[in-house]
Amino acid sequence: MTNKIIIGTRDSKLALTQTQKVTQKLNSLHPHIQFEVLNIKTKGDILQDHPIESSIDKGFFVKEIQEMLLKKKIDIAIHSLKDLPVDPIPGLEISAVLERDDPRDALVLNPKIQFNNDLNNITISTSSNRRKSQLLKLYPEIKMKTIRGNVDTRIDKMEKGYCDGIIISAAALIRLGLQDRITYLFDSEEMICAPGQGTIALESREEDKGIKKIVNSINHKKTSICVEIERSFLKKLEGGCTAPIGAYAKVVEDKVLLIGIISSLNGKKHITNQALSEYTNSNKLGIELAKKMLLDGGDEILSEVRG
């Protein structure tokens, strides 16, 4: 019987908040086990000024944690699922996901800026190509700047005049108790989220069946099905974490609805589509929608994005 389990996570305020949420759930179901947290700095944490989209390094925010997991220095890795590459690392697997928090993107404006539902000619910062392209689609005259750093750092940069506003996941702001800073929440169809956005994932070694059983005890089945559909959509498009691709799946009664978008970097070209399937037979939904959107012009858009 396992008496102690070591959990690895990024060394950031948000990651530690997410880890606390996980450990509380695990402790409530497995009070006889000691859960110890190990903070790990990733390349994404260290290279704060390095543009994410220019990095050829997949797993910019997870690689070092996964290496610790493979070396058996930790037993479980906790990630923001949207940061986890869709191509699995041999020997590792996603053993559970928590119930999804708000998957939407949030606008945080400098209090000095008057918001009138129009962002044209306002300077907005984000590090995400997906957010940039969809913002440009909605507001062709918007001014875009790249920003890096944790949530507090981004807000501080904004307030010091670097930009007028920033786009951050609503889930991150809520988990940090900063929901009062949200100026506007984009509707899920207005700005389609990143695959897995708002979801905390737990990764473990395939060989550790005992650990997997413990971790799987907190798995949220509906969330698991939805994010797997989104990730299969992304994988079929070979989009990676930096391509301007969005996907959002949700359970509607006894069915699953998937909405997807493929966009050019400047937002001028985009394809949006959706598909519906029975909840019990939804495993191919992401792949089928991706195939259709590639044939409808998505392949051409992605070829331009890749250069």
C-alpha atoms as a PDB file:
ATOM      1  CA  MET A   1       0.000   0.000   0.000  1.00  0.00           C
ATOM      2  CA  THR A   2       1.332   3.435  -0.982  1.00  0.00           C
ATOM      3  CA  ASN A   3       1.793   5.673   2.074  1.00  0.00           C
ATOM      4  CA  LYS A   4       3.232   8.756   0.381  1.00  0.00           C
ATOM      5  CA  ILE A   5       2.663  10.218  -3.081  1.00  0.00           C
ATOM      6  CA  ILE A   6       4.777  13.066  -4.442  1.00  0.00           C
ATOM      7  CA  ILE A   7       2.981  15.547  -6.689  1.00  0.00           C
ATOM      8  CA  GLY A   8       4.946  17.711  -9.116  1.00  0.00           C
ATOM      9  CA  THR A   9       3.697  21.080 -10.303  1.00  0.00           C
ATOM     10  CA  ARG A  10       4.929  24.345 -11.795  1.00  0.00           C
ATOM     11  CA  ASP A  11       6.402  26.855  -9.384  1.00  0.00           C
ATOM     12  CA  SER A  12       3.814  29.595  -9.845  1.00  0.00           C
ATOM     13  CA  LYS A  13       0.998  31.030  -7.755  1.00  0.00           C
ATOM     14  CA  LEU A  14      -1.650  29.728 -10.169  1.00  0.00           C
ATOM     15  CA  ALA A  15      -0.121  26.250 -10.374  1.00  0.00           C
ATOM     16  CA  LEU A  16       0.091  25.992  -6.587  1.00  0.00           C
ATOM     17  CA  THR A  17      -3.546  27.087  -6.275  1.00  0.00           C
ATOM     18  CA  GLN A  18      -4.540  24.392  -8.755  1.00  0.00           C
ATOM     19  CA  THR A  19      -2.451  21.811  -6.919  1.00  0.00           C
ATOM     20  CA  GLN A  20      -4.130  22.696  -3.631  1.00  0.00           C
ATOM     21  CA  LYS A  21      -7.493  22.003  -5.264  1.00  0.00           C
ATOM     22  CA  VAL A  22      -6.252  18.584  -6.393  1.00  0.00           C
ATOM     23  CA  THR A  23      -4.721  17.615  -3.048  1.00  0.00           C
ATOM     24  CA  GLN A  24      -7.901  18.566  -1.195  1.00  0.00           C
ATOM     25  CA  LYS A  25      -9.891  16.189  -3.385  1.00  0.00           C
ATOM     26  CA  LEU A  26      -7.334  13.400  -3.038  1.00  0.00           C
ATOM     27  CA  ASN A  27      -7.060  13.849   0.739  1.00  0.00           C
ATOM     28  CA  SER A  28     -10.820  13.637   1.167  1.00  0.00           C
ATOM     29  CA  LEU A  29     -10.940  10.258  -0.598  1.00  0.00           C
ATOM     30  CA  HIS A  30      -7.578   8.869   0.583  1.00  0.00           C
ATOM     31  CA  PRO A  31      -6.925  10.220   4.103  1.00  0.00           C
ATOM     32  CA  HIS A  32      -4.436   7.411   4.828  1.00  0.00           C
ATOM     33  CA  ILE A  33      -2.046   8.679   2.129  1.00  0.00           C
ATOM     34  CA  GLN A  34       0.389  11.570   2.583  1.00  0.00           C
ATOM     35  CA  PHE A  35       0.445  13.839  -0.472  1.00  0.00           C
ATOM     36  CA  GLU A  36       3.636  15.874  -0.763  1.00  0.00           C
ATOM     37  CA  VAL A  37       4.008  18.735  -3.278  1.00  0.00           C
ATOM     38  CA  LEU A  38       7.235  19.424  -5.167  1.00  0.00           C
ATOM     39  CA  ASN A  39       7.521  22.751  -7.030  1.00  0.00           C
ATOM     40  CA  ILE A  40       9.353  22.513 -10.362  1.00  0.00           C
ATOM     41  CA  LYS A  41      10.519  25.407 -12.549  1.00  0.00           C
ATOM     42  CA  THR A  42       9.852  24.853 -16.253  1.00  0.00           C
ATOM     43  CA  LYS A  43      11.487  26.546 -19.228  1.00  0.00           C
ATOM     44  CA  GLY A  44       8.312  28.584 -19.641  1.00  0.00           C
ATOM     45  CA  ASP A  45       8.709  29.915 -16.091  1.00  0.00           C
ATOM     46  CA  ILE A  46      12.395  30.762 -16.506  1.00  0.00           C
ATOM     47  CA  LEU A  47      12.324  32.334 -19.992  1.00  0.00           C
ATOM     48  CA  GLN A  48       9.749  35.002 -19.219  1.00  0.00           C
ATOM     49  CA  ASP A  49      10.730  37.181 -22.198  1.00  0.00           C
ATOM     50  CA  HIS A  50      10.806  34.333 -24.724  1.00  0.00           C
ATOM     51  CA  PRO A  51       7.868  34.507 -27.198  1.00  0.00           C
ATOM     52  CA  ILE A  52       5.844  31.306 -26.901  1.00  0.00           C
ATOM     53  CA  GLU A  53       4.932  31.254 -30.581  1.00  0.00           C
ATOM     54  CA  SER A  54       8.604  31.409 -31.634  1.00  0.00           C
ATOM     55  CA  SER A  55       9.521  28.370 -29.566  1.00  0.00           C
ATOM     56  CA  ILE A  56       9.876  25.067 -31.397  1.00  0.00           C
ATOM     57  CA  ASP A  57       9.938  23.411 -28.012  1.00  0.00           C
ATOM     58  CA  LYS A  58       6.737  21.480 -27.420  1.00  0.00           C
ATOM     59  CA  GLY A  59       5.870  21.239 -23.774  1.00  0.00           C
ATOM     60  CA  PHE A  60       7.235  24.690 -22.936  1.00  0.00           C
ATOM     61  CA  PHE A  61       5.453  24.623 -19.557  1.00  0.00           C
ATOM     62  CA  VAL A  62       5.488  20.885 -18.810  1.00  0.00           C
ATOM     63  CA  LYS A  63       8.675  19.230 -20.098  1.00  0.00           C
ATOM     64  CA  GLU A  64      10.717  19.464 -16.892  1.00  0.00           C
ATOM     65  CA  ILE A  65       7.800  18.130 -14.830  1.00  0.00           C
ATOM     66  CA  GLN A  66       7.335  15.185 -17.191  1.00  0.00           C
ATOM     67  CA  GLU A  67      11.052  14.392 -17.001  1.00  0.00           C
ATOM     68  CA  MET A  68      10.784  14.235 -13.202  1.00  0.00           C
ATOM     69  CA  LEU A  69       7.808  11.903 -13.580  1.00  0.00           C
ATOM     70  CA  LEU A  70       9.706   9.582 -15.930  1.00  0.00           C
ATOM     71  CA  LYS A  71      12.694   9.548 -13.556  1.00  0.00           C
ATOM     72  CA  LYS A  72      10.334   8.604 -10.695  1.00  0.00           C
ATOM     73  CA  LYS A  73      11.251  11.716  -8.722  1.00  0.00           C
ATOM     74  CA  ILE A  74       7.503  12.448  -8.532  1.00  0.00           C
ATOM     75  CA  ASP A  75       4.455  10.168  -8.781  1.00  0.00           C
ATOM     76  CA  ILE A  76       1.870  12.554 -10.240  1.00  0.00           C
ATOM     77  CA  ALA A  77       2.211  15.645 -12.425  1.00  0.00           C
ATOM     78  CA  ILE A  78      -0.390  18.406 -12.390  1.00  0.00           C
ATOM     79  CA  HIS A  79      -0.872  20.549 -15.479  1.00  0.00           C
ATOM     80  CA  SER A  80      -3.180  23.084 -17.016  1.00  0.00           C
ATOM     81  CA  LEU A  81      -4.442  20.778 -19.749  1.00  0.00           C
ATOM     82  CA  LYS A  82      -4.183  23.424 -22.482  1.00  0.00           C
ATOM     83  CA  ASP A  83      -0.386  23.503 -21.898  1.00  0.00           C
ATOM     84  CA  LEU A  84      -0.037  19.739 -22.397  1.00  0.00           C
ATOM     85  CA  PRO A  85       0.958  18.697 -25.959  1.00  0.00           C
ATOM     86  CA  VAL A  86      -1.518  16.348 -27.652  1.00  0.00           C
ATOM     87  CA  ASP A  87       1.243  13.885 -28.571  1.00  0.00           C
ATOM     88  CA  PRO A  88       1.730  11.715 -25.467  1.00  0.00           C
ATOM     89  CA  ILE A  89       5.134  11.044 -23.946  1.00  0.00           C
ATOM     90  CA  PRO A  90       5.886   7.281 -24.089  1.00  0.00           C
ATOM     91  CA  GLY A  91       5.319   5.824 -20.639  1.00  0.00           C
ATOM     92  CA  LEU A  92       3.067   8.648 -19.423  1.00  0.00           C
ATOM     93  CA  GLU A  93      -0.696   9.114 -19.557  1.00  0.00           C
ATOM     94  CA  ILE A  94      -3.409  11.506 -18.440  1.00  0.00           C
ATOM     95  CA  SER A  95      -4.979   9.609 -15.546  1.00  0.00           C
ATOM     96  CA  ALA A  96      -7.657  12.123 -14.564  1.00  0.00           C
ATOM     97  CA  VAL A  97      -9.057  15.590 -15.100  1.00  0.00           C
ATOM     98  CA  LEU A  98     -11.011  17.679 -12.626  1.00  0.00           C
ATOM     99  CA  GLU A  99     -14.410  19.100 -13.469  1.00  0.00           C
ATOM    100  CA  ARG A 100     -13.847  21.930 -15.881  1.00  0.00           C
ATOM    101  CA  ASP A 101     -13.914  25.495 -14.612  1.00  0.00           C
ATOM    102  CA  ASP A 102     -15.090  28.393 -16.786  1.00  0.00           C
ATOM    103  CA  PRO A 103     -13.504  27.759 -20.225  1.00  0.00           C
ATOM    104  CA  ARG A 104     -14.043  31.281 -21.542  1.00  0.00           C
ATOM    105  CA  ASP A 105     -11.506  33.995 -22.279  1.00  0.00           C
ATOM    106  CA  ALA A 106     -11.697  37.140 -20.162  1.00  0.00           C
ATOM    107  CA  LEU A 107     -10.868  40.738 -20.979  1.00  0.00           C
ATOM    108  CA  VAL A 108      -9.168  42.730 -18.230  1.00  0.00           C
ATOM    109  CA  LEU A 109      -8.980  46.450 -18.984  1.00  0.00           C
ATOM    110  CA  ASN A 110      -6.998  49.137 -17.236  1.00  0.00           C
ATOM    111  CA  PRO A 111      -9.535  50.926 -14.972  1.00  0.00           C
ATOM    112  CA  LYS A 112      -8.637  54.168 -16.782  1.00  0.00           C
ATOM    113  CA  ILE A 113     -10.074  52.793 -20.035  1.00  0.00           C
ATOM    114  CA  GLN A 114     -13.779  53.253 -20.733  1.00  0.00           C
ATOM    115  CA  PHE A 115     -15.252  50.023 -22.161  1.00  0.00           C
ATOM    116  CA  ASN A 116     -18.090  50.458 -24.635  1.00  0.00           C
ATOM    117  CA  ASN A 117     -18.087  46.981 -26.222  1.00  0.00           C
ATOM    118  CA  ASP A 118     -15.679  48.144 -28.933  1.00  0.00           C
ATOM    119  CA  LEU A 119     -11.969  47.295 -28.769  1.00  0.00           C
ATOM    120  CA  ASN A 120     -11.004  48.898 -32.082  1.00  0.00           C
ATOM    121  CA  ASN A 121      -8.007  51.253 -31.684  1.00  0.00           C
ATOM    122  CA  ILE A 122      -7.373  49.921 -28.167  1.00  0.00           C
ATOM    123  CA  THR A 123      -4.071  48.140 -27.394  1.00  0.00           C
ATOM    124  CA  ILE A 124      -4.648  44.609 -26.086  1.00  0.00           C
ATOM    125  CA  SER A 125      -1.901  42.188 -25.040  1.00  0.00           C
ATOM    126  CA  THR A 126      -1.814  38.404 -25.164  1.00  0.00           C
ATOM    127  CA  SER A 127       0.782  35.707 -25.852  1.00  0.00           C
ATOM    128  CA  SER A 128      -1.710  33.465 -27.680  1.00  0.00           C
ATOM    129  CA  ASN A 129      -1.977  33.339 -31.480  1.00  0.00           C
ATOM    130  CA  ARG A 130      -5.486  31.915 -31.092  1.00  0.00           C
ATOM    131  CA  ARG A 131      -6.621  34.919 -29.062  1.00  0.00           C
ATOM    132  CA  LYS A 132      -4.851  37.390 -31.355  1.00  0.00           C
ATOM    133  CA  SER A 133      -6.455  35.998 -34.501  1.00  0.00           C
ATOM    134  CA  GLN A 134      -9.966  35.860 -33.048  1.00  0.00           C
ATOM    135  CA  LEU A 135      -9.664  39.377 -31.622  1.00  0.00           C
ATOM    136  CA  LEU A 136      -8.558  40.661 -35.033  1.00  0.00           C
ATOM    137  CA  LYS A 137     -11.530  38.885 -36.588  1.00  0.00           C
ATOM    138  CA  LEU A 138     -13.889  40.646 -34.177  1.00  0.00           C
ATOM    139  CA  TYR A 139     -12.098  44.017 -34.130  1.00  0.00           C
ATOM    140  CA  PRO A 140     -10.009  44.595 -37.306  1.00  0.00           C
ATOM    141  CA  GLU A 141      -8.648  47.924 -36.003  1.00  0.00           C
ATOM    142  CA  ILE A 142      -7.503  46.566 -32.646  1.00  0.00           C
ATOM    143  CA  LYS A 143      -3.828  47.053 -31.731  1.00  0.00           C
ATOM    144  CA  MET A 144      -2.057  43.898 -30.539  1.00  0.00           C
ATOM    145  CA  LYS A 145       1.033  43.498 -28.344  1.00  0.00           C
ATOM    146  CA  THR A 146       2.666  40.342 -27.038  1.00  0.00           C
ATOM    147  CA  ILE A 147       2.925  39.878 -23.279  1.00  0.00           C
ATOM    148  CA  ARG A 148       4.501  37.178 -21.099  1.00  0.00           C
ATOM    149  CA  GLY A 149       4.609  36.451 -17.394  1.00  0.00           C
ATOM    150  CA  ASN A 150       2.253  35.194 -14.721  1.00  0.00           C
ATOM    151  CA  VAL A 151      -1.177  36.724 -14.171  1.00  0.00           C
ATOM    152  CA  ASP A 152      -0.031  39.275 -11.574  1.00  0.00           C
ATOM    153  CA  THR A 153       2.896  40.324 -13.786  1.00  0.00           C
ATOM    154  CA  ARG A 154       0.634  40.866 -16.786  1.00  0.00           C
ATOM    155  CA  ILE A 155      -1.830  42.944 -14.797  1.00  0.00           C
ATOM    156  CA  ASP A 156       1.052  44.992 -13.363  1.00  0.00           C
ATOM    157  CA  LYS A 157       2.490  45.625 -16.857  1.00  0.00           C
ATOM    158  CA  MET A 158      -0.934  46.740 -18.067  1.00  0.00           C
ATOM    159  CA  GLU A 159      -1.414  49.133 -15.162  1.00  0.00           C
ATOM    160  CA  LYS A 160       2.033  50.649 -15.783  1.00  0.00           C
ATOM    161  CA  GLY A 161       0.997  51.563 -19.324  1.00  0.00           C
ATOM    162  CA  TYR A 162       2.357  48.714 -21.451  1.00  0.00           C
ATOM    163  CA  CYS A 163      -1.132  48.201 -22.899  1.00  0.00           C
ATOM    164  CA  ASP A 164      -4.778  49.102 -22.333  1.00  0.00           C
ATOM    165  CA  GLY A 165      -5.921  45.576 -21.573  1.00  0.00           C
ATOM    166  CA  ILE A 166      -5.055  41.886 -21.524  1.00  0.00           C
ATOM    167  CA  ILE A 167      -6.816  38.644 -22.383  1.00  0.00           C
ATOM    168  CA  ILE A 168      -6.505  35.846 -19.802  1.00  0.00           C
ATOM    169  CA  SER A 169      -8.459  32.663 -19.203  1.00  0.00           C
ATOM    170  CA  ALA A 170     -11.402  33.260 -16.903  1.00  0.00           C
ATOM    171  CA  ALA A 171     -10.518  30.097 -14.968  1.00  0.00           C
ATOM    172  CA  ALA A 172      -7.078  31.456 -14.042  1.00  0.00           C
ATOM    173  CA  LEU A 173      -8.515  34.717 -12.741  1.00  0.00           C
ATOM    174  CA  ILE A 174     -11.231  32.938 -10.764  1.00  0.00           C
ATOM    175  CA  ARG A 175      -8.788  30.454  -9.204  1.00  0.00           C
ATOM    176  CA  LEU A 176      -6.603  33.349  -8.070  1.00  0.00           C
ATOM    177  CA  GLY A 177      -9.563  35.236  -6.615  1.00  0.00           C
ATOM    178  CA  LEU A 178      -9.251  37.983  -9.240  1.00  0.00           C
ATOM    179  CA  GLN A 179     -12.690  37.609 -10.809  1.00  0.00           C
ATOM    180  CA  ASP A 180     -13.472  41.234  -9.891  1.00  0.00           C
ATOM    181  CA  ARG A 181     -10.835  42.316 -12.423  1.00  0.00           C
ATOM    182  CA  ILE A 182     -12.827  40.844 -15.323  1.00  0.00           C
ATOM    183  CA  THR A 183     -14.188  43.598 -17.574  1.00  0.00           C
ATOM    184  CA  TYR A 184     -15.854  41.307 -20.097  1.00  0.00           C
ATOM    185  CA  LEU A 185     -16.288  37.571 -20.666  1.00  0.00           C
ATOM    186  CA  PHE A 186     -16.254  36.468 -24.285  1.00  0.00           C
ATOM    187  CA  ASP A 187     -19.055  34.076 -25.162  1.00  0.00           C
ATOM    188  CA  SER A 188     -17.862  30.540 -25.970  1.00  0.00           C
ATOM    189  CA  GLU A 189     -18.889  30.998 -29.613  1.00  0.00           C
ATOM    190  CA  GLU A 190     -17.644  34.597 -29.843  1.00  0.00           C
ATOM    191  CA  MET A 191     -14.100  33.541 -28.960  1.00  0.00           C
ATOM    192  CA  ILE A 192     -13.639  29.778 -29.079  1.00  0.00           C
ATOM    193  CA  CYS A 193     -11.310  28.595 -26.325  1.00  0.00           C
ATOM    194  CA  ALA A 194      -8.128  26.543 -26.547  1.00  0.00           C
ATOM    195  CA  PRO A 195      -8.616  22.772 -26.356  1.00  0.00           C
ATOM    196  CA  GLY A 196      -8.679  21.809 -22.680  1.00  0.00           C
ATOM    197  CA  GLN A 197      -8.864  25.403 -21.415  1.00  0.00           C
ATOM    198  CA  GLY A 198     -10.147  25.674 -17.850  1.00  0.00           C
ATOM    199  CA  THR A 199      -9.229  22.057 -17.066  1.00  0.00           C
ATOM    200  CA  ILE A 200      -6.704  20.722 -14.557  1.00  0.00           C
ATOM    201  CA  ALA A 201      -5.090  17.444 -15.651  1.00  0.00           C
ATOM    202  CA  LEU A 202      -3.236  14.791 -13.661  1.00  0.00           C
ATOM    203  CA  GLU A 203      -0.535  12.780 -15.402  1.00  0.00           C
ATOM    204  CA  SER A 204       1.099   9.570 -14.147  1.00  0.00           C
ATOM    205  CA  ARG A 205       3.251   6.691 -15.365  1.00  0.00           C
ATOM    206  CA  GLU A 206       1.444   4.005 -17.353  1.00  0.00           C
ATOM    207  CA  GLU A 207       3.158   1.269 -15.355  1.00  0.00           C
ATOM    208  CA  ASP A 208       1.947   2.559 -11.975  1.00  0.00           C
ATOM    209  CA  LYS A 209      -1.496   0.972 -11.849  1.00  0.00           C
ATOM    210  CA  GLY A 210      -1.891   1.693  -8.135  1.00  0.00           C
ATOM    211  CA  ILE A 211      -1.224   5.404  -8.593  1.00  0.00           C
ATOM    212  CA  LYS A 212      -3.546   5.499 -11.588  1.00  0.00           C
ATOM    213  CA  LYS A 213      -6.365   3.979  -9.535  1.00  0.00           C
ATOM    214  CA  ILE A 214      -5.920   6.598  -6.810  1.00  0.00           C
ATOM    215  CA  VAL A 215      -5.760   9.469  -9.304  1.00  0.00           C
ATOM    216  CA  ASN A 216      -8.693   8.205 -11.347  1.00  0.00           C
ATOM    217  CA  SER A 217     -10.889   8.361  -8.244  1.00  0.00           C
ATOM    218  CA  ILE A 218     -11.205  12.142  -8.759  1.00  0.00           C
ATOM    219  CA  ASN A 219     -11.694  12.002 -12.539  1.00  0.00           C
ATOM    220  CA  HIS A 220     -14.698  13.941 -13.886  1.00  0.00           C
ATOM    221  CA  LYS A 221     -16.108  11.754 -16.654  1.00  0.00           C
ATOM    222  CA  LYS A 222     -18.026  14.374 -18.669  1.00  0.00           C
ATOM    223  CA  THR A 223     -15.087  16.767 -18.653  1.00  0.00           C
ATOM    224  CA  SER A 224     -12.766  13.931 -19.648  1.00  0.00           C
ATOM    225  CA  ILE A 225     -14.901  13.074 -22.676  1.00  0.00           C
ATOM    226  CA  CYS A 226     -15.216  16.706 -23.791  1.00  0.00           C
ATOM    227  CA  VAL A 227     -11.530  17.623 -23.525  1.00  0.00           C
ATOM    228  CA  GLU A 228     -10.473  14.398 -25.238  1.00  0.00           C
ATOM    229  CA  ILE A 229     -12.700  15.357 -28.180  1.00  0.00           C
ATOM    230  CA  GLU A 230     -11.121  18.832 -28.282  1.00  0.00           C
ATOM    231  CA  ARG A 231      -7.599  17.414 -28.139  1.00  0.00           C
ATOM    232  CA  SER A 232      -8.305  14.861 -30.868  1.00  0.00           C
ATOM    233  CA  PHE A 233      -9.556  17.761 -33.030  1.00  0.00           C
ATOM    234  CA  LEU A 234      -6.290  19.647 -32.430  1.00  0.00           C
ATOM    235  CA  LYS A 235      -4.147  16.561 -33.027  1.00  0.00           C
ATOM    236  CA  LYS A 236      -5.834  15.804 -36.354  1.00  0.00           C
ATOM    237  CA  LEU A 237      -5.114  19.373 -37.459  1.00  0.00           C
ATOM    238  CA  GLU A 238      -1.500  18.995 -36.270  1.00  0.00           C
ATOM    239  CA  GLY A 239      -1.900  22.393 -34.696  1.00  0.00           C
ATOM    240  CA  GLY A 240       0.240  22.163 -31.578  1.00  0.00           C
ATOM    241  CA  CYS A 241      -0.148  24.656 -28.748  1.00  0.00           C
ATOM    242  CA  THR A 242       0.613  27.825 -30.737  1.00  0.00           C
ATOM    243  CA  ALA A 243      -1.525  27.528 -33.899  1.00  0.00           C
ATOM    244  CA  PRO A 244      -4.640  29.766 -34.080  1.00  0.00           C
ATOM    245  CA  ILE A 245      -7.029  26.877 -33.467  1.00  0.00           C
ATOM    246  CA  GLY A 246      -9.915  26.785 -31.009  1.00  0.00           C
ATOM    247  CA  ALA A 247     -12.171  23.933 -29.940  1.00  0.00           C
ATOM    248  CA  TYR A 248     -14.890  23.688 -27.329  1.00  0.00           C
ATOM    249  CA  ALA A 249     -17.012  20.617 -26.585  1.00  0.00           C
ATOM    250  CA  LYS A 250     -19.935  20.548 -24.181  1.00  0.00           C
ATOM    251  CA  VAL A 251     -22.583  18.053 -23.149  1.00  0.00           C
ATOM    252  CA  VAL A 252     -26.091  19.076 -24.200  1.00  0.00           C
ATOM    253  CA  GLU A 253     -28.636  16.665 -22.678  1.00  0.00           C
ATOM    254  CA  ASP A 254     -27.618  13.257 -24.101  1.00  0.00           C
ATOM    255  CA  LYS A 255     -25.388  14.658 -26.858  1.00  0.00           C
ATOM    256  CA  VAL A 256     -21.996  16.322 -27.235  1.00  0.00           C
ATOM    257  CA  LEU A 257     -21.645  19.532 -29.248  1.00  0.00           C
ATOM    258  CA  LEU A 258     -18.217  20.472 -30.614  1.00  0.00           C
ATOM    259  CA  ILE A 259     -17.429  23.936 -31.994  1.00  0.00           C
ATOM    260  CA  GLY A 260     -14.140  24.495 -33.814  1.00  0.00           C
ATOM    261  CA  ILE A 261     -12.261  27.332 -35.490  1.00  0.00           C
ATOM    262  CA  ILE A 262      -9.200  27.510 -37.747  1.00  0.00           C
ATOM    263  CA  SER A 263      -7.932  31.036 -38.333  1.00  0.00           C
ATOM    264  CA  SER A 264      -5.135  32.885 -40.066  1.00  0.00           C
ATOM    265  CA  LEU A 265      -2.784  34.870 -37.851  1.00  0.00           C
ATOM    266  CA  ASN A 266      -4.331  38.168 -38.937  1.00  0.00           C
ATOM    267  CA  GLY A 267      -7.898  36.909 -38.463  1.00  0.00           C
ATOM    268  CA  LYS A 268      -8.877  37.721 -42.055  1.00  0.00           C
ATOM    269  CA  LYS A 269      -9.305  34.076 -43.022  1.00  0.00           C
ATOM    270  CA  HIS A 270     -11.197  31.749 -40.726  1.00  0.00           C
ATOM    271  CA  ILE A 271     -13.387  28.676 -40.797  1.00  0.00           C
ATOM    272  CA  THR A 272     -15.837  27.916 -38.014  1.00  0.00           C
ATOM    273  CA  ASN A 273     -17.977  24.809 -37.861  1.00  0.00           C
ATOM    274  CA  GLN A 274     -19.682  22.534 -35.374  1.00  0.00           C
ATOM    275  CA  ALA A 275     -20.749  18.919 -35.037  1.00  0.00           C
ATOM    276  CA  LEU A 276     -23.104  16.983 -32.782  1.00  0.00           C
ATOM    277  CA  SER A 277     -23.075  13.338 -31.737  1.00  0.00           C
ATOM    278  CA  GLU A 278     -24.592  11.008 -29.172  1.00  0.00           C
ATOM    279  CA  TYR A 279     -22.831  11.235 -25.808  1.00  0.00           C
ATOM    280  CA  THR A 280     -22.232   7.480 -25.786  1.00  0.00           C
ATOM    281  CA  ASN A 281     -20.710   7.509 -29.286  1.00  0.00           C
ATOM    282  CA  SER A 282     -18.675  10.718 -29.375  1.00  0.00           C
ATOM    283  CA  ASN A 283     -15.116   9.372 -29.482  1.00  0.00           C
ATOM    284  CA  LYS A 284     -14.585  10.248 -33.174  1.00  0.00           C
ATOM    285  CA  LEU A 285     -16.345  13.627 -33.097  1.00  0.00           C
ATOM    286  CA  GLY A 286     -13.161  15.713 -32.959  1.00  0.00           C
ATOM    287  CA  ILE A 287     -11.417  13.815 -35.747  1.00  0.00           C
ATOM    288  CA  GLU A 288     -14.444  13.941 -38.056  1.00  0.00           C
ATOM    289  CA  LEU A 289     -14.968  17.690 -37.607  1.00  0.00           C
ATOM    290  CA  ALA A 290     -11.255  18.336 -38.163  1.00  0.00           C
ATOM    291  CA  LYS A 291     -11.348  16.352 -41.423  1.00  0.00           C
ATOM    292  CA  LYS A 292     -14.344  18.341 -42.659  1.00  0.00           C
ATOM    293  CA  MET A 293     -12.794  21.692 -41.795  1.00  0.00           C
ATOM    294  CA  LEU A 294      -9.513  20.780 -43.492  1.00  0.00           C
ATOM    295  CA  LEU A 295     -11.422  19.993 -46.695  1.00  0.00           C
ATOM    296  CA  ASP A 296     -13.389  23.242 -46.371  1.00  0.00           C
ATOM    297  CA  GLY A 297     -10.212  25.331 -46.561  1.00  0.00           C
ATOM    298  CA  GLY A 298      -8.614  24.796 -43.182  1.00  0.00           C
ATOM    299  CA  ASP A 299      -5.658  22.994 -44.735  1.00  0.00           C
ATOM    300  CA  GLU A 300      -4.834  26.063 -46.830  1.00  0.00           C
ATOM    301  CA  ILE A 301      -5.067  28.393 -43.825  1.00  0.00           C
ATOM    302  CA  LEU A 302      -2.822  26.188 -41.681  1.00  0.00           C
ATOM    303  CA  SER A 303      -0.270  25.885 -44.505  1.00  0.00           C
ATOM    304  CA  GLU A 304      -0.037  29.683 -44.585  1.00  0.00           C
ATOM    305  CA  VAL A 305       0.329  29.823 -40.795  1.00  0.00           C
ATOM    306  CA  ARG A 306       3.162  27.282 -40.854  1.00  0.00           C
ATOM    307  CA  GLY A 307       4.862  29.244 -43.640  1.00  0.00           C
END
